[in-house]
Amino acid sequence: PLWRQITSGAQMLFVAFGALVLMPLITGLDPNVALFTAGLGTLLFQIVTRRQVPVFLASSFAFITPIILAKDQFGL
């Protein structure tokens, strides 16, 4: 039903916002790049899995420490 799709969409918006905006801001990266690559990765994933797996790909907080270390050591 439509109400379930709207509810799921709103839930995904709030979940993805933290990963897509907050994580790049913490690490000093560009949130626009995170949004673009998450969208592109999700579209490719949906094509490969033929939309059988309802997943949205986004940034992960698990990689904050390695990203910060790489930025500090190599100036990325």
Protein backbone atom coordinates (compact mmCIF):
# COMPACT_ATOMS: atom_id res chain seq x y z
CA PRO A 1 0.00 0.00 0.00
CA LEU A 2 0.99 3.60 -0.56
CA TRP A 3 1.07 4.51 3.14
CA ARG A 4 3.65 1.77 3.78
CA GLN A 5 5.86 3.03 0.96
CA ILE A 6 5.65 6.58 2.29
CA THR A 7 6.51 5.41 5.81
CA SER A 8 9.47 3.34 4.58
CA GLY A 9 10.69 6.23 2.44
CA ALA A 10 10.57 8.66 5.37
CA GLN A 11 12.41 6.17 7.58
CA MET A 12 15.15 5.72 4.97
CA LEU A 13 15.46 9.49 4.62
CA PHE A 14 16.27 9.90 8.31
CA VAL A 15 18.59 6.89 8.43
CA ALA A 16 20.49 7.84 5.30
CA PHE A 17 20.79 11.52 6.21
CA GLY A 18 23.07 10.76 9.16
CA ALA A 19 25.35 8.56 7.11
CA LEU A 20 25.36 10.71 3.99
CA VAL A 21 25.76 14.14 5.54
CA LEU A 22 27.15 13.72 9.04
CA MET A 23 29.94 11.26 8.23
CA PRO A 24 31.53 13.41 5.47
CA LEU A 25 31.28 16.51 7.65
CA ILE A 26 33.05 14.72 10.53
CA THR A 27 35.86 13.54 8.26
CA GLY A 28 36.15 16.83 6.37
CA LEU A 29 35.06 15.39 3.03
CA ASP A 30 32.48 16.78 0.61
CA PRO A 31 28.88 15.66 1.40
CA ASN A 32 27.94 16.16 -2.27
CA VAL A 33 30.38 13.44 -3.29
CA ALA A 34 28.94 11.11 -0.65
CA LEU A 35 25.38 11.76 -1.88
CA PHE A 36 26.34 11.21 -5.52
CA THR A 37 28.32 8.02 -4.94
CA ALA A 38 25.67 6.58 -2.62
CA GLY A 39 23.00 7.18 -5.25
CA LEU A 40 25.13 5.75 -8.04
CA GLY A 41 26.12 2.72 -5.96
CA THR A 42 22.51 2.08 -4.98
CA LEU A 43 21.32 2.28 -8.60
CA LEU A 44 24.04 -0.12 -9.76
CA PHE A 45 23.27 -2.50 -6.88
CA GLN A 46 19.57 -2.47 -7.76
CA ILE A 47 20.36 -3.21 -11.41
CA VAL A 48 22.68 -6.10 -10.54
CA THR A 49 20.26 -7.66 -8.03
CA ARG A 50 17.22 -6.96 -10.26
CA ARG A 51 15.60 -5.03 -7.39
CA GLN A 52 15.30 -8.19 -5.28
CA VAL A 53 17.15 -6.71 -2.29
CA PRO A 54 15.69 -3.47 -0.85
CA VAL A 55 18.95 -1.85 0.21
CA PHE A 56 20.26 1.72 0.14
CA LEU A 57 24.03 2.01 0.09
CA ALA A 58 25.53 4.87 2.08
CA SER A 59 28.65 5.95 3.95
CA SER A 60 29.69 3.97 6.99
CA PHE A 61 30.84 5.33 10.33
CA ALA A 62 33.12 2.27 10.62
CA PHE A 63 35.61 3.94 8.28
CA ILE A 64 35.96 7.28 10.06
CA THR A 65 39.28 6.43 11.75
CA PRO A 66 41.03 5.09 8.61
CA ILE A 67 39.79 8.07 6.57
CA ILE A 68 41.06 10.57 9.12
CA LEU A 69 44.42 8.76 9.37
CA ALA A 70 44.79 8.68 5.57
CA LYS A 71 43.95 12.37 5.33
CA ASP A 72 46.48 13.26 8.02
CA GLN A 73 49.30 11.08 6.67
CA PHE A 74 48.84 11.46 2.92
CA GLY A 75 46.94 14.73 2.64
CA LEU A 76 44.02 13.30 0.73
